[in-house]
C-alpha atoms as a PDB file:
ATOM      1  CA  UNK A   1      85.801  58.870  87.368  1.00  0.00           C
ATOM      2  CA  UNK A   2      88.922  60.977  87.340  1.00  0.00           C
ATOM      3  CA  UNK A   3      90.524  63.869  85.079  1.00  0.00           C
ATOM      4  CA  UNK A   4      91.891  62.308  82.075  1.00  0.00           C
ATOM      5  CA  UNK A   5      94.819  63.959  79.710  1.00  0.00           C
ATOM      6  CA  UNK A   6      95.551  61.635  76.962  1.00  0.00           C
ATOM      7  CA  UNK A   7      96.054  61.203  73.177  1.00  0.00           C
ATOM      8  CA  UNK A   8      92.753  60.333  71.124  1.00  0.00           C
ATOM      9  CA  UNK A   9      91.579  59.849  67.889  1.00  0.00           C
ATOM     10  CA  UNK A  10      87.488  60.694  67.156  1.00  0.00           C
ATOM     11  CA  UNK A  11      85.853  58.008  65.801  1.00  0.00           C
ATOM     12  CA  UNK A  12      82.386  59.291  66.239  1.00  0.00           C
ATOM     13  CA  UNK A  13      80.292  62.439  66.874  1.00  0.00           C
ATOM     14  CA  UNK A  14      76.697  63.571  66.841  1.00  0.00           C
ATOM     15  CA  UNK A  15      75.100  66.879  67.468  1.00  0.00           C
ATOM     16  CA  UNK A  16      73.697  67.507  70.967  1.00  0.00           C
ATOM     17  CA  UNK A  17      72.405  70.990  70.709  1.00  0.00           C
ATOM     18  CA  UNK A  18      73.093  74.151  68.342  1.00  0.00           C
ATOM     19  CA  UNK A  19      76.492  74.687  69.713  1.00  0.00           C
ATOM     20  CA  UNK A  20      77.355  71.231  71.440  1.00  0.00           C
ATOM     21  CA  UNK A  21      78.526  67.903  70.141  1.00  0.00           C
ATOM     22  CA  UNK A  22      79.029  64.376  71.811  1.00  0.00           C
ATOM     23  CA  UNK A  23      82.178  62.863  70.388  1.00  0.00           C
ATOM     24  CA  UNK A  24      83.705  59.302  70.659  1.00  0.00           C
ATOM     25  CA  UNK A  25      87.299  58.870  71.331  1.00  0.00           C
ATOM     26  CA  UNK A  26      89.514  55.952  70.895  1.00  0.00           C
ATOM     27  CA  UNK A  27      92.423  56.290  73.220  1.00  0.00           C
ATOM     28  CA  UNK A  28      95.292  54.175  73.924  1.00  0.00           C
ATOM     29  CA  UNK A  29      95.027  53.750  77.902  1.00  0.00           C
ATOM     30  CA  UNK A  30      91.144  54.300  78.454  1.00  0.00           C
ATOM     31  CA  UNK A  31      89.660  52.757  75.273  1.00  0.00           C
ATOM     32  CA  UNK A  32      86.516  53.823  73.993  1.00  0.00           C
ATOM     33  CA  UNK A  33      85.680  57.351  75.856  1.00  0.00           C
ATOM     34  CA  UNK A  34      82.712  59.506  75.191  1.00  0.00           C
ATOM     35  CA  UNK A  35      82.762  63.150  75.797  1.00  0.00           C
ATOM     36  CA  UNK A  36      80.617  66.189  75.566  1.00  0.00           C
ATOM     37  CA  UNK A  37      82.565  69.109  73.536  1.00  0.00           C
ATOM     38  CA  UNK A  38      80.842  72.267  74.353  1.00  0.00           C
ATOM     39  CA  UNK A  39      80.821  74.728  71.685  1.00  0.00           C
ATOM     40  CA  UNK A  40      82.389  72.584  69.354  1.00  0.00           C
ATOM     41  CA  UNK A  41      79.757  73.218  66.569  1.00  0.00           C
ATOM     42  CA  UNK A  42      80.162  76.870  66.653  1.00  0.00           C
ATOM     43  CA  UNK A  43      82.220  78.617  63.723  1.00  0.00           C
ATOM     44  CA  UNK A  44      84.986  79.813  66.406  1.00  0.00           C
ATOM     45  CA  UNK A  45      84.608  76.956  68.946  1.00  0.00           C
ATOM     46  CA  UNK A  46      87.666  76.256  70.616  1.00  0.00           C
ATOM     47  CA  UNK A  47      87.389  72.649  70.688  1.00  0.00           C
ATOM     48  CA  UNK A  48      85.768  71.945  66.992  1.00  0.00           C
ATOM     49  CA  UNK A  49      89.088  71.915  64.881  1.00  0.00           C
ATOM     50  CA  UNK A  50      90.948  69.733  67.327  1.00  0.00           C
ATOM     51  CA  UNK A  51      88.223  66.970  67.448  1.00  0.00           C
ATOM     52  CA  UNK A  52      87.465  66.937  63.820  1.00  0.00           C
ATOM     53  CA  UNK A  53      87.572  63.296  62.391  1.00  0.00           C
ATOM     54  CA  UNK A  54      90.926  61.965  60.977  1.00  0.00           C
ATOM     55  CA  UNK A  55      93.257  63.203  63.274  1.00  0.00           C
ATOM     56  CA  UNK A  56      95.174  62.636  66.610  1.00  0.00           C
ATOM     57  CA  UNK A  57      94.686  65.150  69.403  1.00  0.00           C
ATOM     58  CA  UNK A  58      95.722  65.562  72.984  1.00  0.00           C
ATOM     59  CA  UNK A  59      92.518  65.984  75.106  1.00  0.00           C
ATOM     60  CA  UNK A  60      92.009  66.943  78.709  1.00  0.00           C
ATOM     61  CA  UNK A  61      88.782  65.163  79.768  1.00  0.00           C
ATOM     62  CA  UNK A  62      86.769  66.161  82.860  1.00  0.00           C
ATOM     63  CA  UNK A  63      84.236  63.777  84.627  1.00  0.00           C
ATOM     64  CA  UNK A  64      80.641  64.867  83.473  1.00  0.00           C
ATOM     65  CA  UNK A  65      76.949  64.289  84.652  1.00  0.00           C
ATOM     66  CA  UNK A  66      75.924  60.809  83.077  1.00  0.00           C
ATOM     67  CA  UNK A  67      77.597  57.416  83.913  1.00  0.00           C
ATOM     68  CA  UNK A  68      80.778  57.038  82.073  1.00  0.00           C
ATOM     69  CA  UNK A  69      80.610  60.314  80.500  1.00  0.00           C
ATOM     70  CA  UNK A  70      83.326  63.073  79.953  1.00  0.00           C
ATOM     71  CA  UNK A  71      83.536  66.792  79.391  1.00  0.00           C
ATOM     72  CA  UNK A  72      86.047  67.838  76.887  1.00  0.00           C
ATOM     73  CA  UNK A  73      88.125  70.955  78.470  1.00  0.00           C
ATOM     74  CA  UNK A  74      90.760  71.227  76.355  1.00  0.00           C
ATOM     75  CA  UNK A  75      91.883  69.601  72.837  1.00  0.00           C
ATOM     76  CA  UNK A  76      95.252  70.483  70.657  1.00  0.00           C
ATOM     77  CA  UNK A  77      95.693  68.736  67.446  1.00  0.00           C
ATOM     78  CA  UNK A  78      98.784  66.526  67.286  1.00  0.00           C
ATOM     79  CA  UNK A  79      98.616  65.155  63.527  1.00  0.00           C
ATOM     80  CA  UNK A  80      96.022  65.985  61.037  1.00  0.00           C
ATOM     81  CA  UNK A  81      95.777  63.450  57.942  1.00  0.00           C
ATOM     82  CA  UNK A  82      94.707  66.092  55.561  1.00  0.00           C
ATOM     83  CA  UNK A  83      93.982  64.323  52.468  1.00  0.00           C
ATOM     84  CA  UNK A  84      91.161  62.136  54.139  1.00  0.00           C
ATOM     85  CA  UNK A  85      89.113  65.117  54.337  1.00  0.00           C
ATOM     86  CA  UNK A  86      89.673  65.997  50.667  1.00  0.00           C
ATOM     87  CA  UNK A  87      89.635  62.806  48.695  1.00  0.00           C
ATOM     88  CA  UNK A  88      86.221  61.180  48.692  1.00  0.00           C
ATOM     89  CA  UNK A  89      87.395  57.727  48.353  1.00  0.00           C
ATOM     90  CA  UNK A  90      89.857  57.850  51.086  1.00  0.00           C
ATOM     91  CA  UNK A  91      87.380  59.827  53.263  1.00  0.00           C
ATOM     92  CA  UNK A  92      84.945  57.037  52.629  1.00  0.00           C
ATOM     93  CA  UNK A  93      87.596  54.504  53.610  1.00  0.00           C
ATOM     94  CA  UNK A  94      88.554  56.284  56.753  1.00  0.00           C
ATOM     95  CA  UNK A  95      85.142  56.694  57.760  1.00  0.00           C
ATOM     96  CA  UNK A  96      84.573  52.906  57.528  1.00  0.00           C
ATOM     97  CA  UNK A  97      87.759  52.338  59.545  1.00  0.00           C
ATOM     98  CA  UNK A  98      86.752  54.499  62.268  1.00  0.00           C
ATOM     99  CA  UNK A  99      83.117  53.276  62.370  1.00  0.00           C
ATOM    100  CA  UNK A 100      84.667  49.661  62.999  1.00  0.00           C
ATOM    101  CA  UNK A 101      87.077  50.811  65.722  1.00  0.00           C
ATOM    102  CA  UNK A 102      84.164  52.491  67.530  1.00  0.00           C
ATOM    103  CA  UNK A 103      82.102  49.356  67.247  1.00  0.00           C
ATOM    104  CA  UNK A 104      84.798  47.150  68.475  1.00  0.00           C
ATOM    105  CA  UNK A 105      86.311  49.179  70.986  1.00  0.00           C
ATOM    106  CA  UNK A 106      85.633  48.768  74.799  1.00  0.00           C
ATOM    107  CA  UNK A 107      86.294  50.923  77.903  1.00  0.00           C
ATOM    108  CA  UNK A 108      89.517  49.435  78.781  1.00  0.00           C
ATOM    109  CA  UNK A 109      93.295  49.892  77.945  1.00  0.00           C
ATOM    110  CA  UNK A 110      93.637  49.149  74.222  1.00  0.00           C
ATOM    111  CA  UNK A 111      97.434  50.678  73.094  1.00  0.00           C
ATOM    112  CA  UNK A 112      97.421  47.689  70.120  1.00  0.00           C
ATOM    113  CA  UNK A 113      94.042  48.702  68.919  1.00  0.00           C
ATOM    114  CA  UNK A 114      94.761  52.394  69.014  1.00  0.00           C
ATOM    115  CA  UNK A 115      98.215  51.926  67.267  1.00  0.00           C
ATOM    116  CA  UNK A 116      96.413  50.008  64.556  1.00  0.00           C
ATOM    117  CA  UNK A 117      93.913  52.717  64.068  1.00  0.00           C
ATOM    118  CA  UNK A 118      96.622  55.607  63.822  1.00  0.00           C
ATOM    119  CA  UNK A 119      98.753  53.259  61.462  1.00  0.00           C
ATOM    120  CA  UNK A 120      95.623  52.665  59.227  1.00  0.00           C
ATOM    121  CA  UNK A 121      94.734  56.500  59.063  1.00  0.00           C
ATOM    122  CA  UNK A 122      98.198  57.363  58.163  1.00  0.00           C
ATOM    123  CA  UNK A 123      98.559  54.676  55.528  1.00  0.00           C
ATOM    124  CA  UNK A 124      95.198  55.846  53.804  1.00  0.00           C
ATOM    125  CA  UNK A 125      96.605  59.516  54.018  1.00  0.00           C
ATOM    126  CA  UNK A 126      99.300  58.233  51.604  1.00  0.00           C
ATOM    127  CA  UNK A 127      98.549  58.806  48.037  1.00  0.00           C
ATOM    128  CA  UNK A 128     100.707  56.137  46.825  1.00  0.00           C
ATOM    129  CA  UNK A 129      98.784  53.486  48.656  1.00  0.00           C
ATOM    130  CA  UNK A 130      95.759  51.743  47.476  1.00  0.00           C
ATOM    131  CA  UNK A 131      92.840  51.912  49.637  1.00  0.00           C
ATOM    132  CA  UNK A 132      91.152  48.501  49.887  1.00  0.00           C
ATOM    133  CA  UNK A 133      94.323  46.510  50.826  1.00  0.00           C
ATOM    134  CA  UNK A 134      94.632  48.927  54.124  1.00  0.00           C
ATOM    135  CA  UNK A 135      90.962  48.679  55.076  1.00  0.00           C
ATOM    136  CA  UNK A 136      91.139  45.093  54.783  1.00  0.00           C
ATOM    137  CA  UNK A 137      94.312  44.612  56.712  1.00  0.00           C
ATOM    138  CA  UNK A 138      92.560  47.021  59.447  1.00  0.00           C
ATOM    139  CA  UNK A 139      89.849  44.930  59.689  1.00  0.00           C
ATOM    140  CA  UNK A 140      91.305  41.578  59.858  1.00  0.00           C
ATOM    141  CA  UNK A 141      93.863  42.641  62.462  1.00  0.00           C
ATOM    142  CA  UNK A 142      91.016  44.146  64.115  1.00  0.00           C
ATOM    143  CA  UNK A 143      89.554  40.692  64.465  1.00  0.00           C
ATOM    144  CA  UNK A 144      92.473  39.722  66.081  1.00  0.00           C
ATOM    145  CA  UNK A 145      92.383  42.050  68.796  1.00  0.00           C
ATOM    146  CA  UNK A 146      89.038  41.361  69.289  1.00  0.00           C
ATOM    147  CA  UNK A 147      90.109  37.811  69.876  1.00  0.00           C
ATOM    148  CA  UNK A 148      88.504  36.018  67.003  1.00  0.00           C
ATOM    149  CA  UNK A 149      91.515  35.860  64.493  1.00  0.00           C
ATOM    150  CA  UNK A 150      90.859  33.145  62.022  1.00  0.00           C
ATOM    151  CA  UNK A 151      92.999  30.238  61.971  1.00  0.00           C
ATOM    152  CA  UNK A 152      94.524  29.975  58.675  1.00  0.00           C
ATOM    153  CA  UNK A 153      97.694  27.440  59.101  1.00  0.00           C
ATOM    154  CA  UNK A 154      95.490  24.301  59.199  1.00  0.00           C
ATOM    155  CA  UNK A 155      91.684  23.234  58.634  1.00  0.00           C
ATOM    156  CA  UNK A 156      89.782  23.937  61.745  1.00  0.00           C
ATOM    157  CA  UNK A 157      87.809  21.000  61.374  1.00  0.00           C
ATOM    158  CA  UNK A 158      90.261  18.019  60.811  1.00  0.00           C
ATOM    159  CA  UNK A 159      93.327  20.062  61.803  1.00  0.00           C
ATOM    160  CA  UNK A 160      95.028  18.827  58.558  1.00  0.00           C
ATOM    161  CA  UNK A 161      98.127  21.176  57.598  1.00  0.00           C
ATOM    162  CA  UNK A 162      98.327  23.123  54.557  1.00  0.00           C
ATOM    163  CA  UNK A 163      96.610  25.901  53.095  1.00  0.00           C
ATOM    164  CA  UNK A 164      92.883  25.966  53.471  1.00  0.00           C
ATOM    165  CA  UNK A 165      90.550  26.291  50.305  1.00  0.00           C
ATOM    166  CA  UNK A 166      87.538  28.090  52.330  1.00  0.00           C
ATOM    167  CA  UNK A 167      87.070  30.035  55.525  1.00  0.00           C
ATOM    168  CA  UNK A 168      84.488  28.980  57.946  1.00  0.00           C
ATOM    169  CA  UNK A 169      82.923  31.712  60.183  1.00  0.00           C
ATOM    170  CA  UNK A 170      82.363  29.674  63.097  1.00  0.00           C
ATOM    171  CA  UNK A 171      84.605  28.847  64.898  1.00  0.00           C
ATOM    172  CA  UNK A 172      86.616  31.118  62.460  1.00  0.00           C
ATOM    173  CA  UNK A 173      89.369  29.441  60.122  1.00  0.00           C
ATOM    174  CA  UNK A 174      90.326  27.794  57.299  1.00  0.00           C
ATOM    175  CA  UNK A 175      89.051  24.359  56.060  1.00  0.00           C
ATOM    176  CA  UNK A 176      90.466  21.873  53.647  1.00  0.00           C
ATOM    177  CA  UNK A 177      88.492  20.713  50.682  1.00  0.00           C
ATOM    178  CA  UNK A 178      87.562  17.215  52.440  1.00  0.00           C
ATOM    179  CA  UNK A 179      85.733  19.198  55.213  1.00  0.00           C
ATOM    180  CA  UNK A 180      84.550  22.239  53.048  1.00  0.00           C
ATOM    181  CA  UNK A 181      80.847  22.919  53.351  1.00  0.00           C
ATOM    182  CA  UNK A 182      78.430  24.738  51.193  1.00  0.00           C
ATOM    183  CA  UNK A 183      78.283  28.109  53.228  1.00  0.00           C
ATOM    184  CA  UNK A 184      82.123  28.173  53.482  1.00  0.00           C
ATOM    185  CA  UNK A 185      83.489  31.397  51.919  1.00  0.00           C
ATOM    186  CA  UNK A 186      86.007  30.166  49.002  1.00  0.00           C
ATOM    187  CA  UNK A 187      89.682  31.205  49.400  1.00  0.00           C
ATOM    188  CA  UNK A 188      90.885  30.415  46.085  1.00  0.00           C
ATOM    189  CA  UNK A 189      92.442  32.434  43.039  1.00  0.00           C
ATOM    190  CA  UNK A 190      94.862  34.287  45.584  1.00  0.00           C
ATOM    191  CA  UNK A 191      92.396  34.961  48.430  1.00  0.00           C
ATOM    192  CA  UNK A 192      94.178  32.902  50.865  1.00  0.00           C
ATOM    193  CA  UNK A 193      97.426  34.260  50.332  1.00  0.00           C
ATOM    194  CA  UNK A 194      95.965  37.849  50.161  1.00  0.00           C
ATOM    195  CA  UNK A 195      94.079  37.056  53.772  1.00  0.00           C
ATOM    196  CA  UNK A 196      97.196  35.704  55.189  1.00  0.00           C
ATOM    197  CA  UNK A 197      99.204  38.855  54.245  1.00  0.00           C
ATOM    198  CA  UNK A 198      96.351  41.003  55.598  1.00  0.00           C
ATOM    199  CA  UNK A 199      96.239  39.211  58.832  1.00  0.00           C
ATOM    200  CA  UNK A 200      99.954  39.168  59.485  1.00  0.00           C
ATOM    201  CA  UNK A 201     100.730  42.157  62.133  1.00  0.00           C
ATOM    202  CA  UNK A 202     104.286  42.055  60.941  1.00  0.00           C
ATOM    203  CA  UNK A 203     103.405  43.340  57.406  1.00  0.00           C
ATOM    204  CA  UNK A 204     102.861  46.591  56.410  1.00  0.00           C
ATOM    205  CA  UNK A 205      99.054  47.478  56.252  1.00  0.00           C
ATOM    206  CA  UNK A 206      99.428  48.847  52.601  1.00  0.00           C
ATOM    207  CA  UNK A 207     100.135  46.183  49.820  1.00  0.00           C
ATOM    208  CA  UNK A 208     100.148  45.756  46.204  1.00  0.00           C
ATOM    209  CA  UNK A 209      97.111  43.128  46.286  1.00  0.00           C
ATOM    210  CA  UNK A 210      95.050  43.469  43.063  1.00  0.00           C
ATOM    211  CA  UNK A 211      92.285  45.545  43.766  1.00  0.00           C
ATOM    212  CA  UNK A 212      89.494  42.951  43.042  1.00  0.00           C
ATOM    213  CA  UNK A 213      91.039  40.441  45.668  1.00  0.00           C
ATOM    214  CA  UNK A 214      91.469  43.265  48.237  1.00  0.00           C
ATOM    215  CA  UNK A 215      87.943  44.363  47.758  1.00  0.00           C
ATOM    216  CA  UNK A 216      86.527  40.819  48.119  1.00  0.00           C
ATOM    217  CA  UNK A 217      88.801  40.385  51.492  1.00  0.00           C
ATOM    218  CA  UNK A 218      87.090  43.826  52.780  1.00  0.00           C
ATOM    219  CA  UNK A 219      83.754  42.375  52.350  1.00  0.00           C
ATOM    220  CA  UNK A 220      84.569  39.005  53.647  1.00  0.00           C
ATOM    221  CA  UNK A 221      86.217  40.474  56.812  1.00  0.00           C
ATOM    222  CA  UNK A 222      83.017  42.730  57.587  1.00  0.00           C
ATOM    223  CA  UNK A 223      80.917  39.529  57.224  1.00  0.00           C
ATOM    224  CA  UNK A 224      83.121  37.718  59.583  1.00  0.00           C
ATOM    225  CA  UNK A 225      83.054  40.479  62.220  1.00  0.00           C
ATOM    226  CA  UNK A 226      79.208  40.778  62.008  1.00  0.00           C
ATOM    227  CA  UNK A 227      78.950  37.248  62.384  1.00  0.00           C
ATOM    228  CA  UNK A 228      80.902  37.070  65.540  1.00  0.00           C
ATOM    229  CA  UNK A 229      79.807  40.569  67.104  1.00  0.00           C
ATOM    230  CA  UNK A 230      76.354  41.312  65.811  1.00  0.00           C
ATOM    231  CA  UNK A 231      74.461  42.074  62.312  1.00  0.00           C
ATOM    232  CA  UNK A 232      73.931  45.873  63.263  1.00  0.00           C
ATOM    233  CA  UNK A 233      77.882  46.539  62.929  1.00  0.00           C
ATOM    234  CA  UNK A 234      78.757  48.829  60.249  1.00  0.00           C
END
């Protein structure tokens, strides 16, 4: 292990002692990193404000005792998404986004995953953007970064072209009416169009999807990710 000087977004934290905190960081070039922030819990701790949730910081990390563990030697905030700490709905959404980012990240370069997280926090911080479409887009695009993007242009069973009528979790993709089974999730009443928009990396994260449609797609995305990566995920 070597010293790191990198941008980072805090995606998790827990108290180690009365003064120290263990923080989980998502970085563009090193993926998920765990670091001890000494004194971060103190009112005037020099690291506390820079390692608060929902912001981007420049951090300096030194190798610490413990395999894969670092020690935060310095941190300077680069960008704070202040509304995420004052608006309860946006705070909950940002917490969910960070929890999934932490769960799916690996200890390897992940610039695309890092950029997606920063873009999602920035979109949630914008008061004119609805929350649910941003969260849904983040989750479905995270599935693509994790290698389990659903196929939506043809039936994954018979390979017939055309819009699917339902989503099959395994292997991951849409199915036609002929192949649809009882445990496939329906993609009717605008859900297929909404899912296609959320999963498209070329479209903005924020959209004007109806709130009910967006919320159903958020729930579907979380079930989809849990089915592929473990039921204990967020």
